[in-house]
Amino acid sequence: MRYKNIIQKPVEIEGIGLHTGKLVRISINGGEEGGGIKFIRTDMNPHVVIPADATLVTTTNRGTTLKSGDASVSTIEHLLAALSGLNIEDAIISINGPEIPILDGSSKIFVESLQQSGLSKTSSTRDVFVITEAFTFNDPQTGSEYAVYPSDQFELNAILHFNDDSLGDMVAVMKGKDEFVCKIANCRTFVFLSEIEPLFDIGLIKGGDIENAIVIIDKKLTEEERGHLRKKLNKPNVSISEDGILSHTPLQYKNEPARHKLLDLMGDLTLMGRDIQAKIVATRPGHTSNVALAKLLKSKYLEYRKSIGRPLYDPNIQPVMNLEQIKMYLPHRYPFLLVDKVIEISDKHIVGIKNVTFNEGFFQGHFPGNAVFPGVLQMEALAQTGGILALTTVEDKGQWDTYFLKMENVKFKAKVIPGDTLILKMELMSPIRRGIIQMMGTAYVGNKLVSEGELTAQIVKRQNDQ
């Protein structure tokens, strides 16, 4: 049995942003069941909610940044790694600025603060993406390479290649999330000395300090240059170790930089929105390629869900709802009622049927001589099917309607023609909140996927003004 932890009371943390150099305050609270992790920019009016989703990543320059509308939140990876390492699936993170505080450059303080707040353990119902076939992913832009293998647990491996002979190659391994807290969480971020001035030049690392980062000396320094560096950092007593490390404390582990890369990878993979059961070997990983891998894994997961969730239609079985029962929920009528019957329904999904015939009025003008069921009407049919599920949650049946808010990631895979039976499946992507319903829609003809899309609608009280 898998478990998750629930945050019992708010966790308040204050610190400096690594790149902005500004003081910021965050409050970490438990989220709604199944709601995932969300950031709220409380310094904006109105407040802006930014879900922790790989599709919202806008930049990965020395950290991962999410953006929704005009609001963004950056350097999120250390906090996300802490939440993931503690099996916290749902959280609301209120923040009064654009960047999560860097603290000591690791996940340690986030982990300790969350543990001290009191976590309660309960069973998890969230899907796990189980990798069954190995694959590789190479990012030509960064040179990062990833190999993903089937495994009986979540395992991360990082391999770093340093040109400096004193550092050489580094390897770090994390076998299972249980090792995160004791072996990975306290490992600090690092930067090469040669990178510092260019980063300053583009307006980054204004809050950088050897208190929150390890500086790796990647070029030979004379004693005079070492003195100048200490003066520039305003750290006259700081030591530069024989292995070329500049830090207020020695390395906690010989491979601390490689362990921190595992920490970053874990945080970035949290943007998938679900756990993964696999062994991932990352060579020269970085935020850009980590996020690209998270997006790839998310798309593979969605394809996996479609393949295992393809509904079977047996016309000999009595439907859950017939046409007359459907009309009790939907206001649509001929020629715009596009669901003939419902064959499956639960609290999280619904499957409807649309029989496509040449008698449909639109076939007269839509590709005459080569009749094709319009893709937009496939989306409408899916939306009507989802509307039935949404309206089964309200009490006064017939007094509510659902209205489209948006369609995203819509794809049309194959033609639908007269004589086809369209199987319409809608699955909740998150719990219905404040009348907003988000669903993943897939339409099939037989075993063939013909269209798909993420649909969002709102349940609205019907106005009887007439």
Protein backbone atom coordinates (compact mmCIF):
# COMPACT_ATOMS: atom_id res chain seq x y z
CA MET A 1 0.00 0.00 0.00
CA ARG A 2 1.28 3.46 -0.90
CA TYR A 3 0.91 6.31 1.54
CA LYS A 4 1.04 10.08 1.53
CA ASN A 5 1.57 12.70 4.21
CA ILE A 6 -0.84 15.52 4.98
CA ILE A 7 0.37 18.86 6.38
CA GLN A 8 -1.34 19.42 9.73
CA LYS A 9 -0.60 23.11 10.32
CA PRO A 10 0.88 25.98 8.29
CA VAL A 11 4.66 26.10 7.85
CA GLU A 12 6.08 29.64 7.75
CA ILE A 13 9.52 30.21 6.22
CA GLU A 14 11.33 33.45 5.43
CA GLY A 15 14.54 34.00 3.48
CA ILE A 16 16.38 35.67 0.62
CA GLY A 17 15.72 34.82 -3.02
CA LEU A 18 18.83 33.50 -4.79
CA HIS A 19 18.36 35.56 -7.94
CA THR A 20 16.33 38.58 -6.77
CA GLY A 21 18.22 39.06 -3.49
CA LYS A 22 14.93 40.13 -1.89
CA LEU A 23 13.42 38.93 1.37
CA VAL A 24 10.43 36.67 0.73
CA ARG A 25 8.01 34.83 2.99
CA ILE A 26 6.18 31.62 2.21
CA SER A 27 3.43 29.72 3.99
CA ILE A 28 2.99 26.02 3.20
CA ASN A 29 -0.47 24.63 3.89
CA GLY A 30 -2.23 21.36 3.20
CA GLY A 31 -4.15 21.33 -0.08
CA GLU A 32 -7.45 19.83 -1.16
CA GLU A 33 -7.52 16.07 -1.68
CA GLY A 34 -6.27 15.37 -5.19
CA GLY A 35 -5.58 19.06 -5.81
CA GLY A 36 -1.82 18.64 -6.24
CA ILE A 37 0.73 21.35 -5.45
CA LYS A 38 -0.11 24.98 -6.17
CA PHE A 39 1.66 28.30 -5.61
CA ILE A 40 -0.31 31.46 -4.80
CA ARG A 41 1.24 34.89 -5.40
CA THR A 42 -0.32 36.78 -2.47
CA ASP A 43 1.47 40.02 -3.37
CA MET A 44 -0.63 40.35 -6.53
CA ASN A 45 -4.16 41.71 -6.66
CA PRO A 46 -6.07 39.58 -7.28
CA HIS A 47 -4.01 36.66 -6.02
CA VAL A 48 -2.75 34.40 -8.81
CA VAL A 49 -2.67 30.60 -8.53
CA ILE A 50 0.15 28.81 -10.36
CA PRO A 51 -0.11 24.99 -10.46
CA ALA A 52 3.12 23.00 -10.22
CA ASP A 53 2.88 21.69 -13.78
CA ALA A 54 5.68 21.08 -16.26
CA THR A 55 3.65 22.72 -19.04
CA LEU A 56 3.85 26.06 -17.18
CA VAL A 57 7.67 26.18 -17.01
CA THR A 58 8.95 29.28 -18.81
CA THR A 59 12.65 29.38 -17.98
CA THR A 60 15.25 27.08 -16.46
CA ASN A 61 18.24 29.40 -16.17
CA ARG A 62 19.90 28.42 -12.85
CA GLY A 63 16.55 27.27 -11.50
CA THR A 64 13.03 26.31 -12.56
CA THR A 65 10.39 29.01 -13.08
CA LEU A 66 6.63 28.60 -13.49
CA LYS A 67 4.40 31.25 -15.02
CA SER A 68 0.65 31.73 -15.30
CA GLY A 69 -0.57 34.92 -16.90
CA ASP A 70 1.53 37.79 -15.56
CA ALA A 71 2.56 35.90 -12.42
CA SER A 72 5.63 33.72 -12.02
CA VAL A 73 7.43 31.88 -9.25
CA SER A 74 11.04 30.75 -9.56
CA THR A 75 13.64 28.57 -7.83
CA ILE A 76 10.91 26.08 -6.93
CA GLU A 77 12.90 22.86 -7.27
CA HIS A 78 14.30 22.56 -3.70
CA LEU A 79 10.88 22.98 -2.12
CA LEU A 80 9.24 20.60 -4.60
CA ALA A 81 11.93 18.01 -3.89
CA ALA A 82 11.20 18.31 -0.15
CA LEU A 83 7.46 17.84 -0.70
CA SER A 84 8.04 14.86 -2.98
CA GLY A 85 10.62 13.31 -0.63
CA LEU A 86 8.12 13.51 2.22
CA ASN A 87 5.30 12.08 0.05
CA ILE A 88 3.22 15.25 0.31
CA GLU A 89 0.94 15.22 -2.74
CA ASP A 90 -1.34 18.18 -1.99
CA ALA A 91 -0.08 21.57 -0.82
CA ILE A 92 -0.85 25.27 -1.17
CA ILE A 93 2.26 27.47 -1.05
CA SER A 94 1.46 31.14 -0.48
CA ILE A 95 4.34 33.45 -1.41
CA ASN A 96 4.65 37.25 -1.25
CA GLY A 97 7.19 37.53 -4.05
CA PRO A 98 8.41 35.96 -7.29
CA GLU A 99 10.96 33.53 -5.86
CA ILE A 100 11.16 30.75 -3.27
CA PRO A 101 13.89 31.56 -0.68
CA ILE A 102 17.20 29.80 -1.26
CA LEU A 103 17.91 29.29 2.50
CA ASP A 104 21.06 27.12 2.75
CA GLY A 105 20.92 26.05 -0.91
CA SER A 106 19.40 22.64 -0.19
CA SER A 107 16.04 21.10 0.81
CA LYS A 108 17.09 20.55 4.43
CA ILE A 109 15.24 23.47 6.06
CA PHE A 110 12.07 22.80 4.06
CA VAL A 111 12.13 19.14 5.14
CA GLU A 112 12.80 19.90 8.79
CA SER A 113 10.13 22.61 8.95
CA LEU A 114 7.52 20.34 7.40
CA GLN A 115 8.42 17.48 9.73
CA GLN A 116 8.23 19.75 12.78
CA SER A 117 4.78 20.98 11.74
CA GLY A 118 3.39 17.51 12.18
CA LEU A 119 2.53 15.27 9.25
CA SER A 120 -0.25 12.69 9.28
CA LYS A 121 0.07 9.55 7.19
CA THR A 122 -2.79 8.19 5.10
CA SER A 123 -3.21 5.94 2.08
CA SER A 124 -2.62 7.45 -1.36
CA THR A 125 -5.04 6.95 -4.23
CA ARG A 126 -2.98 8.85 -6.81
CA ASP A 127 -1.96 6.95 -9.93
CA VAL A 128 1.65 5.84 -10.27
CA PHE A 129 3.21 5.74 -13.72
CA VAL A 130 4.96 2.38 -13.89
CA ILE A 131 7.60 2.22 -16.61
CA THR A 132 7.41 -1.15 -18.36
CA GLU A 133 9.77 -0.55 -21.30
CA ALA A 134 13.20 1.09 -21.15
CA PHE A 135 13.90 4.18 -23.22
CA THR A 136 16.50 6.91 -23.52
CA PHE A 137 16.22 10.68 -23.86
CA ASN A 138 19.05 12.92 -25.04
CA ASP A 139 18.90 16.70 -25.01
CA PRO A 140 21.14 17.95 -27.83
CA GLN A 141 20.85 21.52 -26.55
CA THR A 142 22.45 20.77 -23.18
CA GLY A 143 24.25 17.47 -23.75
CA SER A 144 22.25 15.83 -20.96
CA GLU A 145 21.40 12.15 -21.32
CA TYR A 146 18.78 10.10 -19.51
CA ALA A 147 18.14 6.36 -19.48
CA VAL A 148 14.83 5.22 -17.98
CA TYR A 149 14.41 1.58 -16.95
CA PRO A 150 11.65 -0.54 -15.38
CA SER A 151 12.15 -0.97 -11.64
CA ASP A 152 10.30 -2.14 -8.56
CA GLN A 153 10.86 1.27 -6.92
CA PHE A 154 11.69 4.91 -7.63
CA GLU A 155 15.44 5.18 -8.13
CA LEU A 156 17.60 8.08 -9.31
CA ASN A 157 21.24 8.03 -10.44
CA ALA A 158 23.29 11.09 -11.38
CA ILE A 159 26.59 11.04 -13.24
CA LEU A 160 28.67 14.23 -13.51
CA HIS A 161 31.82 14.73 -15.57
CA PHE A 162 34.12 17.54 -14.39
CA ASN A 163 37.02 18.73 -16.50
CA ASP A 164 38.94 19.63 -13.36
CA ASP A 165 41.25 16.75 -12.40
CA SER A 166 40.75 17.43 -8.68
CA LEU A 167 37.01 16.74 -8.98
CA GLY A 168 36.94 14.20 -11.80
CA ASP A 169 33.73 12.20 -12.28
CA MET A 170 31.01 11.96 -9.63
CA VAL A 171 28.19 9.49 -9.17
CA ALA A 172 25.26 9.63 -6.76
CA VAL A 173 22.44 7.13 -6.21
CA MET A 174 19.11 7.35 -4.39
CA LYS A 175 17.21 4.08 -4.02
CA GLY A 176 13.67 4.90 -2.98
CA LYS A 177 12.28 8.10 -1.49
CA ASP A 178 13.15 6.92 2.01
CA GLU A 179 16.78 7.78 1.27
CA PHE A 180 15.99 11.37 0.31
CA VAL A 181 15.70 12.79 3.82
CA CYS A 182 18.86 11.16 5.18
CA LYS A 183 21.16 11.24 2.13
CA ILE A 184 20.04 13.91 -0.35
CA ALA A 185 17.99 16.70 1.27
CA ASN A 186 20.95 18.48 2.90
CA CYS A 187 23.10 18.63 -0.25
CA ARG A 188 23.72 22.21 -1.39
CA THR A 189 23.60 23.83 -4.78
CA PHE A 190 26.89 24.66 -6.48
CA VAL A 191 28.30 27.02 -9.05
CA PHE A 192 31.61 27.32 -10.88
CA LEU A 193 33.71 30.38 -10.19
CA SER A 194 33.90 31.12 -13.94
CA GLU A 195 30.07 31.30 -14.06
CA ILE A 196 29.61 33.83 -11.27
CA GLU A 197 30.39 37.08 -13.11
CA PRO A 198 28.34 36.17 -16.24
CA LEU A 199 25.39 35.33 -13.98
CA PHE A 200 25.74 38.68 -12.22
CA ASP A 201 25.88 40.38 -15.63
CA ILE A 202 22.44 39.01 -16.64
CA GLY A 203 20.87 40.04 -13.32
CA LEU A 204 20.91 36.68 -11.54
CA ILE A 205 22.29 35.37 -8.18
CA LYS A 206 21.84 38.75 -6.44
CA GLY A 207 21.18 36.76 -3.27
CA GLY A 208 24.02 34.32 -3.89
CA ASP A 209 26.48 33.75 -1.08
CA ILE A 210 28.83 31.02 0.07
CA GLU A 211 26.32 30.54 2.89
CA ASN A 212 23.86 29.11 0.35
CA ALA A 213 26.07 27.70 -2.40
CA ILE A 214 29.28 25.79 -2.95
CA VAL A 215 31.68 27.59 -5.29
CA ILE A 216 33.89 25.29 -7.33
CA ILE A 217 37.17 26.92 -8.34
CA ASP A 218 37.53 25.81 -11.96
CA LYS A 219 40.56 27.90 -12.81
CA LYS A 220 43.99 28.35 -11.25
CA LEU A 221 44.22 31.23 -8.80
CA THR A 222 47.32 32.97 -7.52
CA GLU A 223 47.49 33.86 -3.84
CA GLU A 224 46.84 37.47 -4.82
CA GLU A 225 43.71 36.44 -6.76
CA ARG A 226 42.56 34.37 -3.80
CA GLY A 227 42.87 37.39 -1.54
CA HIS A 228 40.99 39.53 -4.05
CA LEU A 229 38.23 36.88 -4.19
CA ARG A 230 37.90 36.84 -0.41
CA LYS A 231 37.64 40.63 -0.40
CA LYS A 232 35.09 40.65 -3.19
CA LEU A 233 32.95 38.13 -1.33
CA ASN A 234 33.45 40.05 1.92
CA LYS A 235 34.61 36.76 3.49
CA PRO A 236 38.20 37.41 4.67
CA ASN A 237 38.42 34.15 6.59
CA VAL A 238 36.89 31.82 4.04
CA SER A 239 39.07 28.88 3.08
CA ILE A 240 39.73 27.49 -0.37
CA SER A 241 40.26 23.76 0.00
CA GLU A 242 42.87 21.73 -1.79
CA ASP A 243 40.19 20.18 -4.02
CA GLY A 244 39.16 23.62 -5.25
CA ILE A 245 36.02 24.13 -3.16
CA LEU A 246 35.07 27.51 -1.75
CA SER A 247 32.48 27.22 1.01
CA HIS A 248 31.86 28.30 4.59
CA THR A 249 31.85 24.59 5.48
CA PRO A 250 33.60 21.59 3.88
CA LEU A 251 31.74 19.28 1.53
CA GLN A 252 29.36 17.11 3.54
CA TYR A 253 30.00 14.26 1.12
CA LYS A 254 32.74 13.82 -1.43
CA ASN A 255 30.01 13.64 -4.11
CA GLU A 256 27.79 16.40 -2.70
CA PRO A 257 27.44 18.18 -6.09
CA ALA A 258 26.19 14.95 -7.70
CA ARG A 259 23.77 14.39 -4.81
CA HIS A 260 22.45 17.92 -5.29
CA LYS A 261 21.81 17.13 -8.95
CA LEU A 262 19.60 14.27 -7.75
CA LEU A 263 17.78 16.74 -5.51
CA ASP A 264 17.16 19.08 -8.46
CA LEU A 265 16.01 16.20 -10.66
CA MET A 266 13.60 15.01 -7.99
CA GLY A 267 12.14 18.51 -7.65
CA ASP A 268 11.75 18.99 -11.41
CA LEU A 269 10.13 15.56 -11.86
CA THR A 270 7.50 16.59 -9.28
CA LEU A 271 6.11 18.78 -12.07
CA MET A 272 4.72 15.60 -13.67
CA GLY A 273 1.96 15.73 -11.06
CA ARG A 274 2.26 12.07 -10.12
CA ASP A 275 4.76 9.52 -8.89
CA ILE A 276 6.80 7.37 -11.23
CA GLN A 277 8.10 3.86 -10.66
CA ALA A 278 11.33 3.61 -12.63
CA LYS A 279 15.09 3.75 -12.44
CA ILE A 280 16.40 6.93 -14.04
CA VAL A 281 20.10 7.33 -14.82
CA ALA A 282 20.90 10.98 -15.57
CA THR A 283 24.23 11.99 -17.11
CA ARG A 284 25.07 15.71 -16.83
CA PRO A 285 21.48 16.60 -15.81
CA GLY A 286 20.26 20.18 -15.55
CA HIS A 287 16.97 22.00 -15.10
CA THR A 288 16.33 22.48 -18.83
CA SER A 289 16.65 18.80 -19.65
CA ASN A 290 15.01 17.71 -16.35
CA VAL A 291 11.86 19.63 -17.29
CA ALA A 292 11.97 18.27 -20.84
CA LEU A 293 12.11 14.76 -19.37
CA ALA A 294 9.19 15.56 -17.04
CA LYS A 295 7.12 16.71 -20.02
CA LEU A 296 8.04 13.58 -21.97
CA LEU A 297 7.11 11.33 -19.05
CA LYS A 298 3.82 13.18 -18.59
CA SER A 299 2.91 12.70 -22.26
CA LYS A 300 3.86 9.01 -22.05
CA TYR A 301 1.69 8.69 -18.95
CA LEU A 302 -1.30 10.22 -20.74
CA GLU A 303 -0.80 7.82 -23.65
CA TYR A 304 -0.57 4.97 -21.15
CA ARG A 305 -3.82 6.06 -19.50
CA LYS A 306 -5.56 6.15 -22.85
CA SER A 307 -4.38 2.66 -23.74
CA ILE A 308 -5.47 1.06 -20.47
CA GLY A 309 -8.64 3.11 -20.25
CA ARG A 310 -10.04 2.43 -23.72
CA PRO A 311 -13.72 1.64 -23.11
CA LEU A 312 -15.42 -1.44 -24.57
CA TYR A 313 -18.86 -1.05 -26.10
CA ASP A 314 -21.28 -3.96 -26.26
CA PRO A 315 -24.61 -2.81 -27.77
CA ASN A 316 -26.32 -5.86 -26.23
CA ILE A 317 -25.79 -4.51 -22.70
CA GLN A 318 -28.46 -2.24 -21.23
CA PRO A 319 -27.18 1.38 -21.08
CA VAL A 320 -26.78 3.26 -17.82
CA MET A 321 -28.79 6.14 -19.31
CA ASN A 322 -30.97 6.15 -22.41
CA LEU A 323 -31.75 9.19 -24.53
CA GLU A 324 -34.79 10.26 -22.51
CA GLN A 325 -32.82 10.12 -19.28
CA ILE A 326 -30.00 12.14 -20.85
CA LYS A 327 -32.50 14.86 -21.81
CA MET A 328 -33.31 15.27 -18.12
CA TYR A 329 -29.74 16.53 -17.57
CA LEU A 330 -28.84 18.31 -20.80
CA PRO A 331 -30.75 21.25 -22.30
CA HIS A 332 -29.69 20.30 -25.85
CA ARG A 333 -32.23 19.02 -28.35
CA TYR A 334 -32.30 18.02 -32.01
CA PRO A 335 -30.21 18.70 -34.01
CA PHE A 336 -27.61 19.49 -31.33
CA LEU A 337 -27.93 16.71 -28.79
CA LEU A 338 -24.83 14.65 -29.56
CA VAL A 339 -25.04 11.87 -26.94
CA ASP A 340 -27.37 8.93 -27.60
CA LYS A 341 -26.74 6.92 -24.45
CA VAL A 342 -24.39 6.48 -21.48
CA ILE A 343 -22.79 3.05 -20.96
CA GLU A 344 -20.51 3.75 -17.95
CA ILE A 345 -20.53 6.27 -15.12
CA SER A 346 -18.69 6.65 -11.81
CA ASP A 347 -17.74 9.57 -9.59
CA LYS A 348 -14.63 10.17 -11.74
CA HIS A 349 -15.52 9.17 -15.30
CA ILE A 350 -18.29 8.67 -17.83
CA VAL A 351 -18.59 6.96 -21.21
CA GLY A 352 -21.19 8.01 -23.76
CA ILE A 353 -22.15 6.82 -27.24
CA LYS A 354 -22.86 8.87 -30.37
CA ASN A 355 -24.14 7.02 -33.43
CA VAL A 356 -22.99 8.89 -36.53
CA THR A 357 -25.43 8.70 -39.47
CA PHE A 358 -25.61 10.39 -42.83
CA ASN A 359 -28.93 11.94 -41.76
CA GLU A 360 -27.03 14.53 -39.68
CA GLY A 361 -27.86 17.95 -41.13
CA PHE A 362 -24.26 19.23 -41.25
CA PHE A 363 -23.18 16.51 -43.69
CA GLN A 364 -24.97 18.46 -46.44
CA GLY A 365 -22.36 21.20 -46.30
CA HIS A 366 -19.36 19.66 -44.55
CA PHE A 367 -17.16 18.00 -47.19
CA PRO A 368 -20.02 17.12 -49.58
CA GLY A 369 -19.22 13.90 -51.40
CA ASN A 370 -16.66 12.97 -48.70
CA ALA A 371 -18.65 13.14 -45.48
CA VAL A 372 -16.54 13.76 -42.35
CA PHE A 373 -17.89 14.28 -38.85
CA PRO A 374 -16.50 17.73 -37.80
CA GLY A 375 -13.75 17.67 -35.19
CA VAL A 376 -15.29 20.58 -33.26
CA LEU A 377 -18.49 18.55 -32.92
CA GLN A 378 -16.47 15.65 -31.55
CA MET A 379 -15.28 18.04 -28.83
CA GLU A 380 -18.86 19.20 -28.31
CA ALA A 381 -20.01 15.59 -27.96
CA LEU A 382 -17.29 14.99 -25.39
CA ALA A 383 -18.27 18.16 -23.55
CA GLN A 384 -21.92 17.13 -23.44
CA THR A 385 -20.89 13.72 -22.08
CA GLY A 386 -18.79 15.41 -19.38
CA GLY A 387 -21.69 17.75 -18.67
CA ILE A 388 -23.88 14.78 -17.78
CA LEU A 389 -21.32 13.62 -15.20
CA ALA A 390 -20.99 17.13 -13.77
CA LEU A 391 -24.76 17.58 -13.49
CA THR A 392 -25.22 14.30 -11.63
CA THR A 393 -23.44 16.03 -8.71
CA VAL A 394 -26.14 18.72 -8.27
CA GLU A 395 -29.39 18.13 -6.41
CA ASP A 396 -32.06 20.04 -8.33
CA LYS A 397 -31.77 18.24 -11.65
CA GLY A 398 -32.76 20.29 -14.70
CA GLN A 399 -31.90 23.64 -13.07
CA TRP A 400 -28.21 23.71 -13.97
CA ASP A 401 -26.16 23.81 -17.18
CA THR A 402 -22.48 23.44 -18.03
CA TYR A 403 -20.65 25.99 -20.17
CA PHE A 404 -17.29 25.65 -21.92
CA LEU A 405 -14.44 27.71 -20.46
CA LYS A 406 -11.55 26.40 -22.54
CA MET A 407 -10.13 23.54 -24.60
CA GLU A 408 -6.43 22.65 -24.48
CA ASN A 409 -4.14 20.14 -26.17
CA VAL A 410 -6.86 19.15 -28.62
CA LYS A 411 -5.75 16.66 -31.26
CA PHE A 412 -7.62 14.95 -34.07
CA LYS A 413 -6.14 11.56 -34.90
CA ALA A 414 -8.43 10.02 -37.50
CA LYS A 415 -11.54 10.74 -39.57
CA VAL A 416 -15.02 9.90 -38.28
CA ILE A 417 -17.52 9.13 -41.02
CA PRO A 418 -21.20 8.12 -41.31
CA GLY A 419 -21.76 4.63 -39.97
CA ASP A 420 -19.19 5.00 -37.19
CA THR A 421 -20.10 4.62 -33.54
CA LEU A 422 -18.29 7.26 -31.50
CA ILE A 423 -17.31 6.17 -27.99
CA LEU A 424 -16.90 9.25 -25.78
CA LYS A 425 -14.89 9.00 -22.57
CA MET A 426 -14.44 11.84 -20.08
CA GLU A 427 -12.27 11.54 -16.95
CA LEU A 428 -11.92 14.05 -14.13
CA MET A 429 -8.42 15.56 -14.07
CA SER A 430 -9.02 17.07 -10.62
CA PRO A 431 -11.91 17.25 -8.16
CA ILE A 432 -14.79 19.59 -9.05
CA ARG A 433 -14.27 22.86 -7.16
CA ARG A 434 -16.54 25.90 -7.10
CA GLY A 435 -18.40 24.54 -10.09
CA ILE A 436 -15.26 24.24 -12.25
CA ILE A 437 -14.80 20.86 -13.90
CA GLN A 438 -11.59 19.82 -15.69
CA MET A 439 -11.69 16.64 -17.74
CA MET A 440 -9.55 14.64 -20.12
CA GLY A 441 -11.64 13.65 -23.11
CA THR A 442 -10.91 10.82 -25.51
CA ALA A 443 -13.08 9.68 -28.41
CA TYR A 444 -12.78 6.28 -30.07
CA VAL A 445 -14.21 4.39 -33.00
CA GLY A 446 -13.77 0.76 -32.03
CA ASN A 447 -10.22 0.50 -30.64
CA LYS A 448 -8.96 3.51 -32.61
CA LEU A 449 -8.41 6.85 -30.87
CA VAL A 450 -9.90 9.53 -33.14
CA SER A 451 -9.67 12.68 -31.01
CA GLU A 452 -8.65 13.93 -27.58
CA GLY A 453 -8.46 17.11 -25.54
CA GLU A 454 -8.44 18.65 -22.08
CA LEU A 455 -11.78 20.37 -21.53
CA THR A 456 -12.75 22.81 -18.80
CA ALA A 457 -16.33 23.87 -18.10
CA GLN A 458 -18.34 25.56 -15.37
CA ILE A 459 -21.60 24.46 -13.77
CA VAL A 460 -23.99 27.43 -13.81
CA LYS A 461 -27.47 27.86 -12.36
CA ARG A 462 -30.03 28.09 -15.16
CA GLN A 463 -31.70 31.50 -15.50
CA ASN A 464 -35.47 31.14 -16.09
CA ASP A 465 -36.18 34.69 -17.20
CA GLN A 466 -38.73 33.82 -19.86
